Amino acid sequence: MNKYVVAEKAVVNASVERVWEVISRTDRYAEWVAGAIEVTDHHGVATVGRTYAELNRTLGPLRTSSVWTVTEIDPLKRRVDTGTGFAPLQDLTSIFELQPVKGPDGHDATEMTYQVEYTLGLGPLGLLLNSIQQPGMRAGMRTSMANLDALLRSERSTTAR
């Protein structure tokens, strides 16, 4: 089994508190996570030991059902979930890390790291499969963080009225 780590960073133009508020809501994932079509079961605010389920896009038109377990929470800093349902990826772990920064306009912003760790067997075929799927995974992570940024901006503009 080969272990892989894929990570992307982006600055989200909202405070760590506001970013944390949204990423902690398991029922809101389909609003911003690029691969999540629908959250089919959730418990609201992420709680260690609790699970949530999604219908996800995988490669092209393929879909899968996933179940995630919240395994670690360090409020306003880090959240770790483990997932199943993405065969042939195994031992899947999703990690969100947040760091307060100043945005280009001087306002509070958040540097977000979105990291996925997994193992993949299948020998040389697994290496080939990973080289095909990893660019799409990276693009999905970048899109997710851009979606989160847009969602937070839209909610800010609606509440500012």
C-alpha atoms as a PDB file:
ATOM      1  CA  MET A   1       0.000   0.000   0.000  1.00  0.00           C
ATOM      2  CA  ASN A   2       1.260   3.446  -0.901  1.00  0.00           C
ATOM      3  CA  LYS A   3       0.347   6.387   1.321  1.00  0.00           C
ATOM      4  CA  TYR A   4      -0.430   9.744  -0.293  1.00  0.00           C
ATOM      5  CA  VAL A   5      -0.873  13.245   1.087  1.00  0.00           C
ATOM      6  CA  VAL A   6      -2.513  15.925  -1.046  1.00  0.00           C
ATOM      7  CA  ALA A   7      -2.786  19.481   0.306  1.00  0.00           C
ATOM      8  CA  GLU A   8      -3.876  22.854  -1.013  1.00  0.00           C
ATOM      9  CA  LYS A   9      -3.886  26.272   0.671  1.00  0.00           C
ATOM     10  CA  ALA A  10      -5.998  29.343   0.036  1.00  0.00           C
ATOM     11  CA  VAL A  11      -6.861  32.588   1.762  1.00  0.00           C
ATOM     12  CA  VAL A  12     -10.548  32.865   2.593  1.00  0.00           C
ATOM     13  CA  ASN A  13     -11.650  36.475   3.060  1.00  0.00           C
ATOM     14  CA  ALA A  14     -13.403  35.991   6.379  1.00  0.00           C
ATOM     15  CA  SER A  15     -12.329  35.682   9.995  1.00  0.00           C
ATOM     16  CA  VAL A  16     -11.274  32.321  11.399  1.00  0.00           C
ATOM     17  CA  GLU A  17     -14.402  32.382  13.567  1.00  0.00           C
ATOM     18  CA  ARG A  18     -16.688  32.774  10.559  1.00  0.00           C
ATOM     19  CA  VAL A  19     -14.853  30.139   8.490  1.00  0.00           C
ATOM     20  CA  TRP A  20     -14.943  27.736  11.450  1.00  0.00           C
ATOM     21  CA  GLU A  21     -18.663  28.342  11.897  1.00  0.00           C
ATOM     22  CA  VAL A  22     -19.397  27.163   8.341  1.00  0.00           C
ATOM     23  CA  ILE A  23     -16.901  24.298   8.034  1.00  0.00           C
ATOM     24  CA  SER A  24     -18.121  22.925  11.373  1.00  0.00           C
ATOM     25  CA  ARG A  25     -21.650  22.512  10.031  1.00  0.00           C
ATOM     26  CA  THR A  26     -21.747  19.047   8.487  1.00  0.00           C
ATOM     27  CA  ASP A  27     -25.196  19.825   7.032  1.00  0.00           C
ATOM     28  CA  ARG A  28     -23.727  22.640   4.887  1.00  0.00           C
ATOM     29  CA  TYR A  29     -21.037  20.685   3.008  1.00  0.00           C
ATOM     30  CA  ALA A  30     -22.987  20.451  -0.240  1.00  0.00           C
ATOM     31  CA  GLU A  31     -23.030  24.280  -0.288  1.00  0.00           C
ATOM     32  CA  TRP A  32     -19.264  24.560  -0.694  1.00  0.00           C
ATOM     33  CA  VAL A  33     -17.434  21.213  -0.990  1.00  0.00           C
ATOM     34  CA  ALA A  34     -16.897  20.673  -4.718  1.00  0.00           C
ATOM     35  CA  GLY A  35     -17.414  16.904  -4.698  1.00  0.00           C
ATOM     36  CA  ALA A  36     -20.414  16.845  -2.346  1.00  0.00           C
ATOM     37  CA  ILE A  37     -23.701  16.617  -4.225  1.00  0.00           C
ATOM     38  CA  GLU A  38     -25.870  16.166  -1.147  1.00  0.00           C
ATOM     39  CA  VAL A  39     -25.465  15.629   2.591  1.00  0.00           C
ATOM     40  CA  THR A  40     -27.744  12.649   3.194  1.00  0.00           C
ATOM     41  CA  ASP A  41     -27.309  12.308   6.974  1.00  0.00           C
ATOM     42  CA  HIS A  42     -25.812  14.766   9.425  1.00  0.00           C
ATOM     43  CA  HIS A  43     -25.716  15.868  13.019  1.00  0.00           C
ATOM     44  CA  GLY A  44     -25.396  19.642  12.481  1.00  0.00           C
ATOM     45  CA  VAL A  45     -22.290  20.937  14.214  1.00  0.00           C
ATOM     46  CA  ALA A  46     -19.296  18.595  13.947  1.00  0.00           C
ATOM     47  CA  THR A  47     -18.855  16.540  17.105  1.00  0.00           C
ATOM     48  CA  VAL A  48     -16.017  14.094  17.777  1.00  0.00           C
ATOM     49  CA  GLY A  49     -17.222  10.526  17.308  1.00  0.00           C
ATOM     50  CA  ARG A  50     -20.314  11.454  15.273  1.00  0.00           C
ATOM     51  CA  THR A  51     -20.823  10.576  11.618  1.00  0.00           C
ATOM     52  CA  TYR A  52     -22.340  12.236   8.570  1.00  0.00           C
ATOM     53  CA  ALA A  53     -23.001  10.883   5.085  1.00  0.00           C
ATOM     54  CA  GLU A  54     -22.786  12.377   1.602  1.00  0.00           C
ATOM     55  CA  LEU A  55     -23.513  11.596  -2.004  1.00  0.00           C
ATOM     56  CA  ASN A  56     -20.323  12.551  -3.865  1.00  0.00           C
ATOM     57  CA  ARG A  57     -18.985  13.009  -7.390  1.00  0.00           C
ATOM     58  CA  THR A  58     -15.875  10.970  -8.054  1.00  0.00           C
ATOM     59  CA  LEU A  59     -14.380  10.677 -11.540  1.00  0.00           C
ATOM     60  CA  GLY A  60     -16.475  12.108 -14.373  1.00  0.00           C
ATOM     61  CA  PRO A  61     -20.101  11.020 -14.063  1.00  0.00           C
ATOM     62  CA  LEU A  62     -19.362   8.459 -11.340  1.00  0.00           C
ATOM     63  CA  ARG A  63     -20.993   8.909  -7.939  1.00  0.00           C
ATOM     64  CA  THR A  64     -20.392   7.313  -4.551  1.00  0.00           C
ATOM     65  CA  SER A  65     -21.916   7.379  -1.086  1.00  0.00           C
ATOM     66  CA  SER A  66     -19.499   8.236   1.691  1.00  0.00           C
ATOM     67  CA  VAL A  67     -19.651   8.118   5.466  1.00  0.00           C
ATOM     68  CA  TRP A  68     -17.407  10.382   7.523  1.00  0.00           C
ATOM     69  CA  THR A  69     -16.512  10.234  11.210  1.00  0.00           C
ATOM     70  CA  VAL A  70     -15.298  13.337  13.028  1.00  0.00           C
ATOM     71  CA  THR A  71     -12.132  12.210  14.832  1.00  0.00           C
ATOM     72  CA  GLU A  72     -10.463  15.404  16.053  1.00  0.00           C
ATOM     73  CA  ILE A  73     -11.491  18.984  16.755  1.00  0.00           C
ATOM     74  CA  ASP A  74      -9.203  21.788  17.908  1.00  0.00           C
ATOM     75  CA  PRO A  75     -11.678  24.694  17.786  1.00  0.00           C
ATOM     76  CA  LEU A  76     -10.824  27.485  15.341  1.00  0.00           C
ATOM     77  CA  LYS A  77      -7.642  25.642  14.286  1.00  0.00           C
ATOM     78  CA  ARG A  78      -8.025  22.061  13.072  1.00  0.00           C
ATOM     79  CA  ARG A  79     -10.595  19.427  12.244  1.00  0.00           C
ATOM     80  CA  VAL A  80      -9.929  15.838  11.185  1.00  0.00           C
ATOM     81  CA  ASP A  81     -12.496  13.416   9.709  1.00  0.00           C
ATOM     82  CA  THR A  82     -12.024   9.876   8.419  1.00  0.00           C
ATOM     83  CA  GLY A  83     -14.094   8.624   5.512  1.00  0.00           C
ATOM     84  CA  THR A  84     -15.175   5.489   3.719  1.00  0.00           C
ATOM     85  CA  GLY A  85     -16.805   4.963   0.343  1.00  0.00           C
ATOM     86  CA  PHE A  86     -14.121   6.156  -2.074  1.00  0.00           C
ATOM     87  CA  ALA A  87     -12.717   2.819  -3.255  1.00  0.00           C
ATOM     88  CA  PRO A  88     -10.024   2.118  -4.220  1.00  0.00           C
ATOM     89  CA  LEU A  89      -8.805   4.900  -1.873  1.00  0.00           C
ATOM     90  CA  GLN A  90      -8.499   3.538   1.662  1.00  0.00           C
ATOM     91  CA  ASP A  91      -7.730   4.957   5.100  1.00  0.00           C
ATOM     92  CA  LEU A  92      -9.081   8.303   3.884  1.00  0.00           C
ATOM     93  CA  THR A  93      -8.541  11.280   6.190  1.00  0.00           C
ATOM     94  CA  SER A  94      -9.668  14.855   5.538  1.00  0.00           C
ATOM     95  CA  ILE A  95      -7.986  17.659   7.478  1.00  0.00           C
ATOM     96  CA  PHE A  96      -8.932  21.345   7.637  1.00  0.00           C
ATOM     97  CA  GLU A  97      -6.435  23.704   9.272  1.00  0.00           C
ATOM     98  CA  LEU A  98      -7.074  27.410   9.805  1.00  0.00           C
ATOM     99  CA  GLN A  99      -4.666  30.248  10.514  1.00  0.00           C
ATOM    100  CA  PRO A 100      -5.699  33.889  11.011  1.00  0.00           C
ATOM    101  CA  VAL A 101      -4.090  36.314   8.547  1.00  0.00           C
ATOM    102  CA  LYS A 102      -4.776  39.789   7.229  1.00  0.00           C
ATOM    103  CA  GLY A 103      -6.413  39.933   3.827  1.00  0.00           C
ATOM    104  CA  PRO A 104      -5.203  42.217   1.035  1.00  0.00           C
ATOM    105  CA  ASP A 105      -7.654  44.881   2.217  1.00  0.00           C
ATOM    106  CA  GLY A 106      -6.322  44.712   5.795  1.00  0.00           C
ATOM    107  CA  HIS A 107      -9.401  42.919   7.131  1.00  0.00           C
ATOM    108  CA  ASP A 108      -9.335  39.630   9.012  1.00  0.00           C
ATOM    109  CA  ALA A 109      -8.907  36.652   6.721  1.00  0.00           C
ATOM    110  CA  THR A 110      -8.075  32.974   7.100  1.00  0.00           C
ATOM    111  CA  GLU A 111      -5.364  30.880   5.527  1.00  0.00           C
ATOM    112  CA  MET A 112      -7.026  27.508   5.065  1.00  0.00           C
ATOM    113  CA  THR A 113      -5.163  24.278   4.413  1.00  0.00           C
ATOM    114  CA  TYR A 114      -7.289  21.470   3.015  1.00  0.00           C
ATOM    115  CA  GLN A 115      -5.427  18.168   3.197  1.00  0.00           C
ATOM    116  CA  VAL A 116      -6.424  14.633   2.271  1.00  0.00           C
ATOM    117  CA  GLU A 117      -4.402  11.563   3.229  1.00  0.00           C
ATOM    118  CA  TYR A 118      -5.100   8.070   1.901  1.00  0.00           C
ATOM    119  CA  THR A 119      -3.592   4.754   0.957  1.00  0.00           C
ATOM    120  CA  LEU A 120      -3.940   3.058  -2.376  1.00  0.00           C
ATOM    121  CA  GLY A 121      -2.972  -0.495  -3.221  1.00  0.00           C
ATOM    122  CA  LEU A 122      -3.104  -2.139  -6.650  1.00  0.00           C
ATOM    123  CA  GLY A 123       0.674  -1.971  -7.205  1.00  0.00           C
ATOM    124  CA  PRO A 124       1.737  -0.179 -10.414  1.00  0.00           C
ATOM    125  CA  LEU A 125      -1.940   0.233 -11.388  1.00  0.00           C
ATOM    126  CA  GLY A 126      -2.487   2.161  -8.139  1.00  0.00           C
ATOM    127  CA  LEU A 127       0.378   4.517  -9.002  1.00  0.00           C
ATOM    128  CA  LEU A 128      -1.144   5.149 -12.415  1.00  0.00           C
ATOM    129  CA  LEU A 129      -4.635   5.636 -10.969  1.00  0.00           C
ATOM    130  CA  ASN A 130      -3.282   8.086  -8.405  1.00  0.00           C
ATOM    131  CA  SER A 131      -1.463  10.120 -11.070  1.00  0.00           C
ATOM    132  CA  ILE A 132      -4.790  10.423 -12.915  1.00  0.00           C
ATOM    133  CA  GLN A 133      -7.025  11.245  -9.934  1.00  0.00           C
ATOM    134  CA  GLN A 134      -4.709  13.503  -7.907  1.00  0.00           C
ATOM    135  CA  PRO A 135      -4.885  16.582 -10.200  1.00  0.00           C
ATOM    136  CA  GLY A 136      -8.689  16.405 -10.050  1.00  0.00           C
ATOM    137  CA  MET A 137      -8.567  16.083  -6.267  1.00  0.00           C
ATOM    138  CA  ARG A 138      -6.333  19.159  -6.031  1.00  0.00           C
ATOM    139  CA  ALA A 139      -8.631  21.127  -8.335  1.00  0.00           C
ATOM    140  CA  GLY A 140     -11.620  20.078  -6.231  1.00  0.00           C
ATOM    141  CA  MET A 141      -9.904  21.255  -3.056  1.00  0.00           C
ATOM    142  CA  ARG A 142      -9.103  24.647  -4.612  1.00  0.00           C
ATOM    143  CA  THR A 143     -12.672  24.935  -5.911  1.00  0.00           C
ATOM    144  CA  SER A 144     -14.051  24.030  -2.470  1.00  0.00           C
ATOM    145  CA  MET A 145     -12.085  26.810  -0.791  1.00  0.00           C
ATOM    146  CA  ALA A 146     -13.108  29.305  -3.493  1.00  0.00           C
ATOM    147  CA  ASN A 147     -16.731  28.194  -3.026  1.00  0.00           C
ATOM    148  CA  LEU A 148     -16.385  28.703   0.732  1.00  0.00           C
ATOM    149  CA  ASP A 149     -14.983  32.195   0.160  1.00  0.00           C
ATOM    150  CA  ALA A 150     -17.870  33.064  -2.195  1.00  0.00           C
ATOM    151  CA  LEU A 151     -20.452  31.627   0.212  1.00  0.00           C
ATOM    152  CA  LEU A 152     -19.102  33.659   3.119  1.00  0.00           C
ATOM    153  CA  ARG A 153     -18.985  36.837   0.990  1.00  0.00           C
ATOM    154  CA  SER A 154     -22.592  36.311  -0.132  1.00  0.00           C
ATOM    155  CA  GLU A 155     -23.769  35.744   3.448  1.00  0.00           C
ATOM    156  CA  ARG A 156     -21.871  38.832   4.589  1.00  0.00           C
ATOM    157  CA  SER A 157     -23.509  40.971   1.912  1.00  0.00           C
ATOM    158  CA  THR A 158     -26.976  39.632   2.761  1.00  0.00           C
ATOM    159  CA  THR A 159     -26.594  40.341   6.476  1.00  0.00           C
ATOM    160  CA  ALA A 160     -25.082  43.791   5.836  1.00  0.00           C
ATOM    161  CA  ARG A 161     -28.324  45.030   4.274  1.00  0.00           C
END
